[in-house]
Amino acid sequence: MSTYRVETRPEIPTAGITENVTMTQFAKIADRIPEVAGWIVEHGSHPVGAPYFRYHVIDMEAELVVEAGFPVPDDAALASTGDVTVSTIPAGRYVTTVHRGHPDELIDVTGELLRWAADQGLTFDRHDSETGDVWAGRFEFYLTDPAEQPDMSQWEVELAFKLAD
């Protein structure tokens, strides 16, 4: 059983790459995480938090619009170039949980989080569109460094979903 929290988070600057992928192509965006880290360093800064995946649009039957990125320092003088976009994680209230286990389990963990939030009467900052569910903030933060813990069943991943204001 997971522990869920509702917490207020500040706006956080980020740098990331966005791709349209299907569930079977997810590795295509995941494989770009090192590219984002390299871009940040090449531009005179450094990541200041765990790598993340941000789900902008979700259509499980077709495509997902997913961003892979890192938080960056507030004072980083970064500007979007090439495939890398500098943006922010929006401030606001989020429902969060940390899962320890294989990333393949995150679909079930997400379902549990969504059910818990519905039971609490919480509403997410999202809306339907022709291309799928559009989210203001739906994140997976990978808290475990694969170089330090190669056993994926031991990874810790924080889910953070923005609530409507």
N, C-alpha and C. Protein backbone atom coordinates (compact mmCIF):
# COMPACT_ATOMS: atom_id res chain seq x y z
N MET A 1 0.85 -1.18 0.00
CA MET A 1 0.00 0.00 0.00
C MET A 1 0.89 1.24 0.00
N SER A 2 0.64 2.12 -0.88
CA SER A 2 1.42 3.35 -1.01
C SER A 2 0.91 4.41 -0.05
N THR A 3 1.80 5.35 0.28
CA THR A 3 1.44 6.51 1.06
C THR A 3 1.33 7.69 0.12
N TYR A 4 0.22 8.40 0.18
CA TYR A 4 -0.02 9.54 -0.70
C TYR A 4 0.00 10.81 0.12
N ARG A 5 0.51 11.88 -0.48
CA ARG A 5 0.53 13.18 0.19
C ARG A 5 0.04 14.23 -0.78
N VAL A 6 -0.56 15.26 -0.22
CA VAL A 6 -0.87 16.46 -0.99
C VAL A 6 0.08 17.52 -0.46
N GLU A 7 0.87 18.10 -1.36
CA GLU A 7 1.85 19.10 -0.95
C GLU A 7 1.91 20.24 -1.95
N THR A 8 2.33 21.40 -1.46
CA THR A 8 2.49 22.57 -2.33
C THR A 8 3.95 22.65 -2.74
N ARG A 9 4.17 22.81 -4.03
CA ARG A 9 5.52 22.87 -4.57
C ARG A 9 5.73 24.20 -5.28
N PRO A 10 6.97 24.71 -5.24
CA PRO A 10 7.28 25.95 -5.96
C PRO A 10 7.51 25.66 -7.44
N GLU A 11 7.51 26.71 -8.24
CA GLU A 11 7.90 26.59 -9.64
C GLU A 11 9.39 26.21 -9.69
N ILE A 12 9.73 25.29 -10.59
CA ILE A 12 11.11 24.82 -10.70
C ILE A 12 11.55 24.90 -12.16
N PRO A 13 12.65 25.61 -12.45
CA PRO A 13 13.14 25.66 -13.83
C PRO A 13 13.66 24.29 -14.27
N THR A 14 13.49 24.00 -15.56
CA THR A 14 13.90 22.71 -16.10
C THR A 14 14.49 22.86 -17.50
N ALA A 15 15.15 21.81 -17.93
CA ALA A 15 15.58 21.67 -19.32
C ALA A 15 15.21 20.26 -19.74
N GLY A 16 14.59 20.13 -20.92
CA GLY A 16 14.16 18.80 -21.34
C GLY A 16 13.92 18.70 -22.84
N ILE A 17 13.76 17.47 -23.27
CA ILE A 17 13.46 17.14 -24.67
C ILE A 17 12.09 16.47 -24.70
N THR A 18 11.23 16.89 -25.63
CA THR A 18 9.89 16.33 -25.75
C THR A 18 9.78 15.51 -27.02
N GLU A 19 9.15 14.35 -26.90
CA GLU A 19 8.94 13.44 -28.04
C GLU A 19 7.50 12.93 -28.02
N ASN A 20 6.97 12.61 -29.18
CA ASN A 20 5.73 11.87 -29.30
C ASN A 20 6.11 10.40 -29.46
N VAL A 21 5.64 9.56 -28.54
CA VAL A 21 5.98 8.14 -28.56
C VAL A 21 4.74 7.32 -28.24
N THR A 22 4.78 6.06 -28.63
CA THR A 22 3.78 5.11 -28.17
C THR A 22 4.36 4.41 -26.94
N MET A 23 3.54 3.66 -26.23
CA MET A 23 4.04 2.93 -25.06
C MET A 23 5.18 2.00 -25.44
N THR A 24 5.10 1.40 -26.62
CA THR A 24 6.16 0.47 -27.03
C THR A 24 7.44 1.20 -27.46
N GLN A 25 7.35 2.51 -27.71
CA GLN A 25 8.52 3.30 -28.11
C GLN A 25 9.09 4.13 -26.96
N PHE A 26 8.65 3.87 -25.73
CA PHE A 26 9.04 4.73 -24.62
C PHE A 26 10.55 4.85 -24.45
N ALA A 27 11.28 3.79 -24.77
CA ALA A 27 12.74 3.84 -24.64
C ALA A 27 13.34 4.94 -25.51
N LYS A 28 12.66 5.31 -26.58
CA LYS A 28 13.14 6.37 -27.47
C LYS A 28 13.34 7.68 -26.70
N ILE A 29 12.41 8.03 -25.81
CA ILE A 29 12.55 9.26 -25.01
C ILE A 29 13.44 9.00 -23.80
N ALA A 30 13.35 7.84 -23.19
CA ALA A 30 14.18 7.53 -22.02
C ALA A 30 15.66 7.57 -22.38
N ASP A 31 16.00 7.13 -23.56
CA ASP A 31 17.39 7.11 -23.99
C ASP A 31 17.98 8.51 -24.20
N ARG A 32 17.14 9.54 -24.16
CA ARG A 32 17.61 10.91 -24.40
C ARG A 32 17.99 11.64 -23.10
N ILE A 33 17.76 11.02 -21.95
CA ILE A 33 18.11 11.63 -20.67
C ILE A 33 19.60 12.04 -20.64
N PRO A 34 20.54 11.18 -21.02
CA PRO A 34 21.95 11.59 -21.00
C PRO A 34 22.23 12.78 -21.93
N GLU A 35 21.51 12.84 -23.04
CA GLU A 35 21.66 13.96 -23.97
C GLU A 35 21.27 15.28 -23.30
N VAL A 36 20.19 15.26 -22.53
CA VAL A 36 19.75 16.47 -21.82
C VAL A 36 20.80 16.87 -20.79
N ALA A 37 21.28 15.90 -20.02
CA ALA A 37 22.31 16.20 -19.00
C ALA A 37 23.54 16.80 -19.67
N GLY A 38 23.97 16.23 -20.78
CA GLY A 38 25.13 16.77 -21.50
C GLY A 38 24.89 18.18 -22.01
N TRP A 39 23.69 18.44 -22.51
CA TRP A 39 23.35 19.78 -23.01
C TRP A 39 23.43 20.80 -21.87
N ILE A 40 22.90 20.46 -20.72
CA ILE A 40 22.91 21.36 -19.57
C ILE A 40 24.35 21.71 -19.20
N VAL A 41 25.22 20.72 -19.11
CA VAL A 41 26.62 20.94 -18.76
C VAL A 41 27.32 21.76 -19.85
N GLU A 42 27.09 21.43 -21.12
CA GLU A 42 27.70 22.18 -22.23
C GLU A 42 27.31 23.66 -22.21
N HIS A 43 26.16 23.96 -21.64
CA HIS A 43 25.67 25.34 -21.58
C HIS A 43 25.97 26.00 -20.24
N GLY A 44 26.94 25.46 -19.50
CA GLY A 44 27.46 26.11 -18.31
C GLY A 44 26.68 25.93 -17.04
N SER A 45 25.85 24.91 -16.95
CA SER A 45 25.07 24.69 -15.75
C SER A 45 25.19 23.23 -15.33
N HIS A 46 24.27 22.78 -14.49
CA HIS A 46 24.25 21.39 -14.04
C HIS A 46 22.85 21.04 -13.54
N PRO A 47 22.47 19.77 -13.68
CA PRO A 47 21.17 19.35 -13.12
C PRO A 47 21.20 19.49 -11.60
N VAL A 48 20.07 19.88 -11.00
CA VAL A 48 20.00 20.03 -9.55
C VAL A 48 18.96 19.11 -8.91
N GLY A 49 18.52 18.14 -9.65
CA GLY A 49 17.55 17.21 -9.11
C GLY A 49 17.49 15.97 -9.96
N ALA A 50 16.60 15.09 -9.58
CA ALA A 50 16.46 13.80 -10.26
C ALA A 50 15.92 13.99 -11.68
N PRO A 51 16.36 13.12 -12.61
CA PRO A 51 15.76 13.17 -13.94
C PRO A 51 14.28 12.83 -13.85
N TYR A 52 13.53 13.37 -14.79
CA TYR A 52 12.08 13.16 -14.77
C TYR A 52 11.55 12.87 -16.16
N PHE A 53 10.36 12.28 -16.16
CA PHE A 53 9.53 12.21 -17.35
C PHE A 53 8.27 13.01 -17.02
N ARG A 54 7.91 13.91 -17.92
CA ARG A 54 6.69 14.69 -17.77
C ARG A 54 5.76 14.30 -18.89
N TYR A 55 4.58 13.82 -18.52
CA TYR A 55 3.58 13.43 -19.51
C TYR A 55 2.70 14.63 -19.81
N HIS A 56 2.89 15.22 -21.00
CA HIS A 56 2.09 16.37 -21.39
C HIS A 56 0.72 15.94 -21.90
N VAL A 57 0.70 14.93 -22.78
CA VAL A 57 -0.55 14.42 -23.36
C VAL A 57 -0.49 12.90 -23.32
N ILE A 58 -1.59 12.29 -22.88
CA ILE A 58 -1.64 10.83 -22.77
C ILE A 58 -2.82 10.29 -23.56
N ASP A 59 -2.52 9.47 -24.54
CA ASP A 59 -3.52 8.67 -25.24
C ASP A 59 -2.93 7.27 -25.32
N MET A 60 -3.30 6.43 -24.37
CA MET A 60 -2.68 5.11 -24.25
C MET A 60 -2.88 4.25 -25.49
N GLU A 61 -3.90 4.55 -26.30
CA GLU A 61 -4.15 3.78 -27.51
C GLU A 61 -3.34 4.29 -28.70
N ALA A 62 -2.81 5.50 -28.61
CA ALA A 62 -2.09 6.09 -29.74
C ALA A 62 -0.73 6.58 -29.27
N GLU A 63 -0.60 7.89 -29.05
CA GLU A 63 0.69 8.46 -28.69
C GLU A 63 0.65 9.19 -27.36
N LEU A 64 1.82 9.27 -26.77
CA LEU A 64 2.04 10.05 -25.57
C LEU A 64 2.97 11.19 -25.96
N VAL A 65 2.76 12.37 -25.41
CA VAL A 65 3.71 13.47 -25.58
C VAL A 65 4.46 13.54 -24.25
N VAL A 66 5.74 13.11 -24.28
CA VAL A 66 6.52 12.95 -23.05
C VAL A 66 7.79 13.79 -23.13
N GLU A 67 8.09 14.44 -22.02
CA GLU A 67 9.32 15.22 -21.89
C GLU A 67 10.26 14.48 -20.94
N ALA A 68 11.53 14.38 -21.33
CA ALA A 68 12.57 13.84 -20.46
C ALA A 68 13.49 14.99 -20.10
N GLY A 69 13.73 15.20 -18.81
CA GLY A 69 14.55 16.35 -18.45
C GLY A 69 15.07 16.31 -17.04
N PHE A 70 15.59 17.48 -16.63
CA PHE A 70 16.16 17.69 -15.29
C PHE A 70 15.77 19.06 -14.77
N PRO A 71 15.59 19.19 -13.46
CA PRO A 71 15.55 20.52 -12.87
C PRO A 71 16.93 21.17 -13.02
N VAL A 72 16.94 22.49 -13.17
CA VAL A 72 18.20 23.24 -13.29
C VAL A 72 18.17 24.38 -12.26
N PRO A 73 19.33 24.99 -11.96
CA PRO A 73 19.34 26.07 -10.97
C PRO A 73 18.48 27.26 -11.39
N ASP A 74 17.92 27.95 -10.39
CA ASP A 74 17.12 29.16 -10.63
C ASP A 74 17.89 30.20 -11.42
N ASP A 75 19.19 30.30 -11.16
CA ASP A 75 19.98 31.35 -11.79
C ASP A 75 20.69 30.90 -13.07
N ALA A 76 20.35 29.72 -13.57
CA ALA A 76 20.98 29.24 -14.81
C ALA A 76 20.54 30.11 -15.98
N ALA A 77 21.51 30.58 -16.73
CA ALA A 77 21.20 31.43 -17.89
C ALA A 77 21.07 30.53 -19.12
N LEU A 78 20.04 29.69 -19.10
CA LEU A 78 19.82 28.74 -20.18
C LEU A 78 18.70 29.22 -21.09
N ALA A 79 18.86 28.98 -22.38
CA ALA A 79 17.83 29.30 -23.37
C ALA A 79 17.63 28.08 -24.26
N SER A 80 16.40 27.85 -24.65
CA SER A 80 16.07 26.72 -25.50
C SER A 80 16.87 26.76 -26.79
N THR A 81 17.46 25.62 -27.15
CA THR A 81 18.17 25.48 -28.43
C THR A 81 18.01 24.05 -28.92
N GLY A 82 17.96 23.89 -30.24
CA GLY A 82 17.83 22.55 -30.80
C GLY A 82 16.62 21.84 -30.25
N ASP A 83 16.82 20.60 -29.80
CA ASP A 83 15.73 19.80 -29.25
C ASP A 83 15.44 20.10 -27.78
N VAL A 84 16.32 20.84 -27.12
CA VAL A 84 16.17 21.08 -25.68
C VAL A 84 15.38 22.36 -25.44
N THR A 85 14.34 22.22 -24.61
CA THR A 85 13.49 23.35 -24.24
C THR A 85 13.70 23.66 -22.76
N VAL A 86 13.88 24.93 -22.47
CA VAL A 86 13.96 25.39 -21.08
C VAL A 86 12.57 25.86 -20.69
N SER A 87 12.06 25.32 -19.60
CA SER A 87 10.71 25.67 -19.15
C SER A 87 10.65 25.56 -17.64
N THR A 88 9.47 25.28 -17.10
CA THR A 88 9.33 25.14 -15.65
C THR A 88 8.36 24.02 -15.31
N ILE A 89 8.58 23.47 -14.12
CA ILE A 89 7.56 22.65 -13.49
C ILE A 89 6.65 23.65 -12.80
N PRO A 90 5.36 23.63 -13.08
CA PRO A 90 4.48 24.65 -12.51
C PRO A 90 4.34 24.54 -10.99
N ALA A 91 4.25 25.69 -10.35
CA ALA A 91 3.98 25.73 -8.92
C ALA A 91 2.55 25.28 -8.67
N GLY A 92 2.29 24.79 -7.47
CA GLY A 92 0.93 24.44 -7.11
C GLY A 92 0.88 23.25 -6.17
N ARG A 93 -0.33 22.78 -5.97
CA ARG A 93 -0.55 21.61 -5.12
C ARG A 93 -0.43 20.34 -5.97
N TYR A 94 0.25 19.35 -5.41
CA TYR A 94 0.47 18.07 -6.10
C TYR A 94 0.09 16.92 -5.18
N VAL A 95 -0.40 15.83 -5.77
CA VAL A 95 -0.52 14.56 -5.08
C VAL A 95 0.76 13.80 -5.43
N THR A 96 1.42 13.27 -4.38
CA THR A 96 2.68 12.56 -4.61
C THR A 96 2.70 11.22 -3.90
N THR A 97 3.53 10.34 -4.40
CA THR A 97 3.85 9.08 -3.74
C THR A 97 5.21 8.63 -4.26
N VAL A 98 5.92 7.87 -3.45
CA VAL A 98 7.20 7.29 -3.87
C VAL A 98 7.02 5.78 -3.94
N HIS A 99 7.40 5.23 -5.08
CA HIS A 99 7.30 3.78 -5.30
C HIS A 99 8.70 3.18 -5.36
N ARG A 100 8.90 2.13 -4.61
CA ARG A 100 10.15 1.37 -4.69
C ARG A 100 9.83 0.05 -5.37
N GLY A 101 10.39 -0.11 -6.56
CA GLY A 101 10.14 -1.32 -7.34
C GLY A 101 10.44 -1.06 -8.80
N HIS A 102 10.20 -2.03 -9.62
CA HIS A 102 10.50 -1.93 -11.05
C HIS A 102 9.61 -0.87 -11.71
N PRO A 103 10.17 -0.06 -12.62
CA PRO A 103 9.36 0.94 -13.32
C PRO A 103 8.16 0.37 -14.07
N ASP A 104 8.20 -0.89 -14.46
CA ASP A 104 7.05 -1.50 -15.12
C ASP A 104 5.82 -1.52 -14.20
N GLU A 105 6.02 -1.41 -12.90
CA GLU A 105 4.91 -1.42 -11.94
C GLU A 105 4.21 -0.07 -11.84
N LEU A 106 4.78 0.96 -12.47
CA LEU A 106 4.25 2.31 -12.31
C LEU A 106 2.85 2.49 -12.89
N ILE A 107 2.47 1.71 -13.88
CA ILE A 107 1.11 1.82 -14.42
C ILE A 107 0.11 1.47 -13.32
N ASP A 108 0.37 0.38 -12.58
CA ASP A 108 -0.54 0.00 -11.49
C ASP A 108 -0.49 1.02 -10.35
N VAL A 109 0.71 1.50 -10.01
CA VAL A 109 0.85 2.49 -8.94
C VAL A 109 0.11 3.77 -9.31
N THR A 110 0.21 4.17 -10.57
CA THR A 110 -0.51 5.37 -11.03
C THR A 110 -2.02 5.17 -10.90
N GLY A 111 -2.51 4.01 -11.29
CA GLY A 111 -3.94 3.72 -11.15
C GLY A 111 -4.39 3.82 -9.70
N GLU A 112 -3.58 3.31 -8.77
CA GLU A 112 -3.91 3.39 -7.35
C GLU A 112 -3.93 4.85 -6.89
N LEU A 113 -2.96 5.65 -7.33
CA LEU A 113 -2.91 7.06 -6.96
C LEU A 113 -4.14 7.79 -7.49
N LEU A 114 -4.52 7.52 -8.73
CA LEU A 114 -5.69 8.18 -9.31
C LEU A 114 -6.97 7.81 -8.55
N ARG A 115 -7.10 6.54 -8.17
CA ARG A 115 -8.28 6.11 -7.40
C ARG A 115 -8.30 6.77 -6.02
N TRP A 116 -7.14 6.82 -5.36
CA TRP A 116 -7.06 7.45 -4.04
C TRP A 116 -7.47 8.92 -4.14
N ALA A 117 -6.94 9.63 -5.13
CA ALA A 117 -7.27 11.05 -5.30
C ALA A 117 -8.77 11.23 -5.54
N ALA A 118 -9.36 10.37 -6.36
CA ALA A 118 -10.81 10.46 -6.62
C ALA A 118 -11.59 10.23 -5.33
N ASP A 119 -11.16 9.26 -4.53
CA ASP A 119 -11.83 8.99 -3.25
C ASP A 119 -11.75 10.18 -2.30
N GLN A 120 -10.70 11.00 -2.43
CA GLN A 120 -10.53 12.18 -1.58
C GLN A 120 -11.24 13.40 -2.16
N GLY A 121 -11.84 13.26 -3.34
CA GLY A 121 -12.51 14.39 -3.98
C GLY A 121 -11.55 15.38 -4.62
N LEU A 122 -10.32 14.95 -4.91
CA LEU A 122 -9.32 15.82 -5.51
C LEU A 122 -9.48 15.84 -7.03
N THR A 123 -9.21 16.98 -7.63
CA THR A 123 -9.32 17.14 -9.08
C THR A 123 -7.96 17.52 -9.64
N PHE A 124 -7.55 16.84 -10.69
CA PHE A 124 -6.26 17.12 -11.31
C PHE A 124 -6.35 18.28 -12.29
N ASP A 125 -5.22 18.93 -12.49
CA ASP A 125 -5.12 20.02 -13.46
C ASP A 125 -4.89 19.38 -14.83
N ARG A 126 -6.00 18.98 -15.45
CA ARG A 126 -5.94 18.29 -16.75
C ARG A 126 -7.24 18.53 -17.48
N HIS A 127 -7.21 18.31 -18.78
CA HIS A 127 -8.44 18.38 -19.57
C HIS A 127 -8.32 17.44 -20.76
N ASP A 128 -9.47 17.07 -21.29
CA ASP A 128 -9.51 16.20 -22.46
C ASP A 128 -9.31 17.02 -23.72
N SER A 129 -8.68 16.40 -24.72
CA SER A 129 -8.54 17.03 -26.03
C SER A 129 -8.68 15.93 -27.08
N GLU A 130 -8.68 16.32 -28.34
CA GLU A 130 -8.77 15.33 -29.42
C GLU A 130 -7.57 14.40 -29.43
N THR A 131 -6.43 14.86 -28.89
CA THR A 131 -5.21 14.05 -28.91
C THR A 131 -5.00 13.26 -27.62
N GLY A 132 -5.87 13.44 -26.63
CA GLY A 132 -5.74 12.70 -25.38
C GLY A 132 -5.90 13.59 -24.17
N ASP A 133 -5.53 13.06 -23.00
CA ASP A 133 -5.58 13.81 -21.75
C ASP A 133 -4.41 14.77 -21.70
N VAL A 134 -4.67 16.06 -21.53
CA VAL A 134 -3.62 17.08 -21.45
C VAL A 134 -3.42 17.42 -19.97
N TRP A 135 -2.20 17.27 -19.48
CA TRP A 135 -1.88 17.47 -18.08
C TRP A 135 -1.01 18.70 -17.88
N ALA A 136 -1.30 19.49 -16.85
CA ALA A 136 -0.45 20.64 -16.49
C ALA A 136 0.82 20.15 -15.81
N GLY A 137 0.75 19.03 -15.13
CA GLY A 137 1.91 18.49 -14.44
C GLY A 137 1.70 17.06 -14.01
N ARG A 138 2.24 16.13 -14.76
CA ARG A 138 2.19 14.71 -14.40
C ARG A 138 3.60 14.18 -14.57
N PHE A 139 4.27 13.90 -13.44
CA PHE A 139 5.70 13.63 -13.45
C PHE A 139 6.05 12.29 -12.83
N GLU A 140 7.15 11.71 -13.34
CA GLU A 140 7.86 10.60 -12.70
C GLU A 140 9.28 11.11 -12.47
N PHE A 141 9.70 11.22 -11.20
CA PHE A 141 11.07 11.61 -10.86
C PHE A 141 11.83 10.36 -10.47
N TYR A 142 12.91 10.06 -11.20
CA TYR A 142 13.70 8.86 -10.96
C TYR A 142 14.76 9.16 -9.91
N LEU A 143 14.48 8.76 -8.66
CA LEU A 143 15.32 9.11 -7.52
C LEU A 143 16.54 8.21 -7.39
N THR A 144 16.53 7.07 -8.06
CA THR A 144 17.64 6.13 -7.98
C THR A 144 18.53 6.27 -9.21
N ASP A 145 19.83 6.34 -8.97
CA ASP A 145 20.81 6.41 -10.06
C ASP A 145 21.08 4.98 -10.54
N PRO A 146 20.77 4.67 -11.81
CA PRO A 146 20.99 3.30 -12.32
C PRO A 146 22.44 2.85 -12.21
N ALA A 147 23.39 3.79 -12.24
CA ALA A 147 24.81 3.43 -12.12
C ALA A 147 25.11 2.91 -10.71
N GLU A 148 24.36 3.40 -9.72
CA GLU A 148 24.57 2.97 -8.34
C GLU A 148 23.70 1.78 -7.96
N GLN A 149 22.55 1.62 -8.63
CA GLN A 149 21.63 0.52 -8.32
C GLN A 149 21.13 -0.07 -9.64
N PRO A 150 21.87 -1.02 -10.21
CA PRO A 150 21.44 -1.61 -11.48
C PRO A 150 20.19 -2.49 -11.39
N ASP A 151 19.86 -2.95 -10.17
CA ASP A 151 18.67 -3.78 -9.98
C ASP A 151 17.43 -2.89 -10.03
N MET A 152 16.72 -2.91 -11.17
CA MET A 152 15.57 -2.03 -11.36
C MET A 152 14.45 -2.29 -10.35
N SER A 153 14.40 -3.48 -9.76
CA SER A 153 13.36 -3.77 -8.77
C SER A 153 13.59 -3.01 -7.47
N GLN A 154 14.75 -2.36 -7.35
CA GLN A 154 15.07 -1.57 -6.16
C GLN A 154 15.00 -0.06 -6.40
N TRP A 155 14.61 0.34 -7.59
CA TRP A 155 14.56 1.77 -7.92
C TRP A 155 13.44 2.47 -7.15
N GLU A 156 13.69 3.74 -6.82
CA GLU A 156 12.66 4.60 -6.23
C GLU A 156 12.27 5.66 -7.25
N VAL A 157 10.95 5.76 -7.45
CA VAL A 157 10.40 6.72 -8.38
C VAL A 157 9.29 7.48 -7.67
N GLU A 158 9.38 8.83 -7.73
CA GLU A 158 8.32 9.65 -7.15
C GLU A 158 7.35 10.04 -8.25
N LEU A 159 6.07 9.80 -8.02
CA LEU A 159 5.02 10.30 -8.90
C LEU A 159 4.50 11.59 -8.29
N ALA A 160 4.30 12.60 -9.14
CA ALA A 160 3.78 13.89 -8.68
C ALA A 160 2.81 14.40 -9.74
N PHE A 161 1.54 14.54 -9.37
CA PHE A 161 0.49 14.98 -10.29
C PHE A 161 -0.11 16.27 -9.77
N LYS A 162 -0.11 17.30 -10.61
CA LYS A 162 -0.60 18.63 -10.22
C LYS A 162 -2.12 18.62 -10.08
N LEU A 163 -2.58 19.22 -8.99
CA LEU A 163 -4.01 19.36 -8.74
C LEU A 163 -4.51 20.67 -9.31
N ALA A 164 -5.78 20.70 -9.63
CA ALA A 164 -6.42 21.94 -10.11
C ALA A 164 -6.40 22.96 -8.98
N ASP A 165 -6.27 24.22 -9.37
CA ASP A 165 -6.26 25.31 -8.36
C ASP A 165 -7.64 25.55 -7.80
